[in-house]
Amino acid sequence: MKKSGWVAGLVLGVVAILVAWPAQVSAAYFIHAASVDSLARATDSLRIADSLDNARYLASRVVENYLVKSVMPGTCINVSGNAVVLALPDSAQIEDMKHRKGEENFYMMADDANWYFTQARAFANGQGVRVVESPERYIRFGTNSSALLFDKHAKASPGWLVILFRPDGMPKIINAVDIQTEYPKYFADKDK
């Protein structure tokens, strides 16, 4: 009798699995489908965020997004002659970034930016070009034909800016990481 009880139990177990299996598979399918749908929505959200971040990044590199028509006297630094301008965020921009990005993210971003700025400063000094660090909100670039007034607080500003400048051309905003490739291209263009 023991053997038949064991077999009966096995048969009942197999029958229970076969009966319950389609329901479990259906539930698993719906959970999987919901997860895939959620993942697709999350991926779409990331794509939108990435495209917005990309659009912001591209806008932050367009000089015209920073130009203003006038500033109050005594509120800007004057830059003339070949220069690399290192524009750091001021306290108002720092507080805004902390609020928008979160304090922990801000400090990680600031640490990275400061390290790359140190590298950019060292590279520019090694090239013998004037390095200008701008604590003022406004920068006046004196070109051969006019003056450009640049607002570091423009909506497009990421806070930390590296700007290449020569009087016979437009200033160029670059990423600090790219200074070793952008610097020679920018200053070589004047010879063409």
Protein backbone atom coordinates (compact mmCIF):
# COMPACT_ATOMS: atom_id res chain seq x y z
CA MET A 1 0.00 0.00 0.00
CA LYS A 2 2.83 2.32 0.63
CA LYS A 3 3.98 2.05 -2.97
CA SER A 4 0.52 2.74 -4.41
CA GLY A 5 0.07 5.77 -2.11
CA TRP A 6 3.36 7.16 -3.30
CA VAL A 7 2.41 6.61 -6.96
CA ALA A 8 -1.01 8.14 -6.41
CA GLY A 9 0.62 11.15 -4.78
CA LEU A 10 3.00 11.50 -7.72
CA VAL A 11 0.15 11.24 -10.21
CA LEU A 12 -1.89 13.83 -8.33
CA GLY A 13 1.14 16.12 -8.18
CA VAL A 14 1.74 15.83 -11.93
CA VAL A 15 -1.95 16.45 -12.64
CA ALA A 16 -1.91 19.51 -10.37
CA ILE A 17 1.15 20.89 -12.17
CA LEU A 18 -0.42 20.28 -15.58
CA VAL A 19 -3.67 21.95 -14.52
CA ALA A 20 -1.99 24.91 -12.85
CA TRP A 21 0.80 25.31 -15.43
CA PRO A 22 -1.24 27.15 -18.11
CA ALA A 23 -2.46 29.64 -15.49
CA GLN A 24 1.09 30.19 -14.25
CA VAL A 25 2.36 30.56 -17.80
CA SER A 26 -0.46 32.99 -18.60
CA ALA A 27 0.26 35.01 -15.46
CA ALA A 28 3.99 34.95 -16.21
CA TYR A 29 3.29 36.05 -19.78
CA PHE A 30 1.16 38.97 -18.62
CA ILE A 31 3.74 39.97 -16.02
CA HIS A 32 6.44 39.72 -18.69
CA ALA A 33 4.31 41.67 -21.17
CA ALA A 34 3.66 44.36 -18.55
CA SER A 35 7.38 44.48 -17.76
CA VAL A 36 8.25 44.78 -21.44
CA ASP A 37 5.65 47.53 -21.81
CA SER A 38 7.03 49.34 -18.75
CA LEU A 39 10.55 48.89 -20.06
CA ALA A 40 9.50 50.26 -23.44
CA ARG A 41 7.94 53.33 -21.76
CA ALA A 42 11.05 53.80 -19.63
CA THR A 43 13.27 53.44 -22.70
CA ASP A 44 11.14 55.97 -24.57
CA SER A 45 11.43 58.33 -21.59
CA LEU A 46 15.21 57.89 -21.58
CA ARG A 47 15.34 58.56 -25.32
CA ILE A 48 13.34 61.75 -24.82
CA ALA A 49 15.59 62.75 -21.89
CA ASP A 50 18.69 61.92 -23.94
CA SER A 51 17.44 63.97 -26.87
CA LEU A 52 16.62 66.87 -24.51
CA ASP A 53 20.06 66.55 -22.90
CA ASN A 54 21.62 66.42 -26.36
CA ALA A 55 19.64 69.49 -27.43
CA ARG A 56 20.73 71.32 -24.26
CA TYR A 57 24.34 70.28 -24.85
CA LEU A 58 24.24 71.50 -28.45
CA ALA A 59 22.59 74.77 -27.38
CA SER A 60 25.32 75.25 -24.76
CA ARG A 61 27.93 75.29 -27.53
CA VAL A 62 26.30 78.05 -29.64
CA VAL A 63 27.88 81.43 -28.86
CA GLU A 64 24.81 83.35 -30.04
CA ASN A 65 22.82 81.81 -27.17
CA TYR A 66 24.98 83.81 -24.74
CA LEU A 67 25.16 87.21 -26.43
CA VAL A 68 23.44 90.26 -24.95
CA LYS A 69 23.08 93.78 -26.29
CA SER A 70 24.30 95.71 -23.26
CA VAL A 71 25.49 95.41 -19.68
CA MET A 72 25.83 97.85 -16.83
CA PRO A 73 29.24 99.55 -16.80
CA GLY A 74 31.81 97.85 -14.59
CA THR A 75 30.06 94.46 -14.61
CA CYS A 76 32.19 92.65 -17.19
CA ILE A 77 35.72 91.47 -17.80
CA ASN A 78 37.38 92.54 -21.04
CA VAL A 79 39.14 89.95 -23.18
CA SER A 80 41.18 90.97 -26.20
CA GLY A 81 43.94 89.08 -27.93
CA ASN A 82 44.25 85.32 -28.14
CA ALA A 83 42.94 83.73 -24.96
CA VAL A 84 41.42 80.70 -23.35
CA VAL A 85 38.64 81.80 -21.01
CA LEU A 86 37.71 79.54 -18.13
CA ALA A 87 34.29 80.58 -16.89
CA LEU A 88 33.28 79.00 -13.61
CA PRO A 89 29.78 79.08 -12.16
CA ASP A 90 29.09 81.69 -9.51
CA SER A 91 27.23 81.05 -6.26
CA ALA A 92 23.79 81.65 -7.81
CA GLN A 93 24.47 79.13 -10.58
CA ILE A 94 25.86 76.64 -8.08
CA GLU A 95 22.73 76.85 -5.91
CA ASP A 96 20.53 76.47 -9.00
CA MET A 97 22.46 73.35 -10.13
CA LYS A 98 22.24 71.84 -6.63
CA HIS A 99 18.49 72.38 -6.70
CA ARG A 100 17.99 70.99 -10.24
CA LYS A 101 20.43 68.07 -10.15
CA GLY A 102 20.47 67.22 -6.46
CA GLU A 103 23.32 68.00 -4.12
CA GLU A 104 25.13 64.67 -4.47
CA ASN A 105 24.98 64.77 -8.29
CA PHE A 106 26.11 68.37 -8.28
CA TYR A 107 29.22 67.59 -6.20
CA MET A 108 30.16 64.67 -8.46
CA MET A 109 29.68 66.90 -11.51
CA ALA A 110 31.67 69.74 -9.90
CA ASP A 111 34.52 67.40 -9.00
CA ASP A 112 34.74 66.18 -12.61
CA ALA A 113 34.46 69.70 -14.03
CA ASN A 114 37.16 71.05 -11.74
CA TRP A 115 39.54 68.22 -12.67
CA TYR A 116 38.99 68.82 -16.40
CA PHE A 117 39.36 72.58 -15.92
CA THR A 118 42.71 71.99 -14.21
CA GLN A 119 43.78 69.90 -17.20
CA ALA A 120 42.54 72.56 -19.65
CA ARG A 121 44.35 75.32 -17.74
CA ALA A 122 47.61 73.33 -17.74
CA PHE A 123 47.31 72.64 -21.48
CA ALA A 124 46.56 76.30 -22.32
CA ASN A 125 49.45 77.51 -20.16
CA GLY A 126 51.69 75.06 -21.98
CA GLN A 127 50.65 76.63 -25.30
CA GLY A 128 51.72 80.07 -24.11
CA VAL A 129 48.27 81.57 -24.64
CA ARG A 130 46.73 83.90 -22.08
CA VAL A 131 44.38 82.12 -19.68
CA VAL A 132 41.56 84.26 -18.32
CA GLU A 133 39.47 83.08 -15.40
CA SER A 134 36.24 84.99 -15.31
CA PRO A 135 34.55 85.61 -11.98
CA GLU A 136 32.27 88.23 -13.57
CA ARG A 137 28.93 87.33 -15.06
CA TYR A 138 29.63 89.17 -18.31
CA ILE A 139 32.59 88.88 -20.65
CA ARG A 140 33.33 91.48 -23.31
CA PHE A 141 35.19 89.95 -26.24
CA GLY A 142 36.93 92.64 -28.29
CA THR A 143 37.06 91.55 -31.91
CA ASN A 144 38.71 93.39 -34.80
CA SER A 145 35.32 94.67 -35.96
CA SER A 146 33.20 94.99 -32.80
CA ALA A 147 32.66 93.86 -29.23
CA LEU A 148 30.63 90.85 -28.20
CA LEU A 149 28.94 90.86 -24.80
CA PHE A 150 28.68 87.34 -23.39
CA ASP A 151 26.41 86.39 -20.46
CA LYS A 152 27.64 83.38 -18.44
CA HIS A 153 24.16 83.08 -16.88
CA ALA A 154 22.42 82.54 -20.22
CA LYS A 155 19.80 79.79 -20.17
CA ALA A 156 22.05 77.59 -22.33
CA SER A 157 24.94 77.74 -19.86
CA PRO A 158 25.99 74.49 -18.18
CA GLY A 159 27.90 76.54 -15.57
CA TRP A 160 31.46 75.60 -16.51
CA LEU A 161 32.59 77.01 -19.86
CA VAL A 162 35.84 76.88 -21.78
CA ILE A 163 35.91 79.54 -24.46
CA LEU A 164 38.61 79.90 -27.10
CA PHE A 165 39.02 83.44 -28.40
CA ARG A 166 41.00 85.30 -31.01
CA PRO A 167 40.20 88.86 -32.13
CA ASP A 168 39.78 87.98 -35.81
CA GLY A 169 37.02 85.43 -35.22
CA MET A 170 34.06 84.42 -33.14
CA PRO A 171 34.66 82.92 -29.70
CA LYS A 172 34.26 79.14 -29.63
CA ILE A 173 32.77 77.27 -26.67
CA ILE A 174 34.30 73.84 -26.19
CA ASN A 175 34.15 71.00 -23.73
CA ALA A 176 37.17 71.13 -21.39
CA VAL A 177 37.88 67.48 -22.23
CA ASP A 178 38.37 68.42 -25.90
CA ILE A 179 40.87 71.26 -25.48
CA GLN A 180 43.83 69.31 -26.90
CA THR A 181 41.99 68.69 -30.17
CA GLU A 182 39.93 71.90 -30.40
CA TYR A 183 42.68 74.37 -29.48
CA PRO A 184 44.99 73.65 -32.46
CA LYS A 185 42.06 73.58 -34.90
CA TYR A 186 40.65 76.89 -33.65
CA PHE A 187 43.91 78.80 -33.60
CA ALA A 188 45.18 77.21 -36.85
CA ASP A 189 42.03 78.43 -38.69
CA LYS A 190 43.29 82.01 -38.52
CA ASP A 191 46.24 81.08 -40.72
CA LYS A 192 44.02 79.78 -43.55
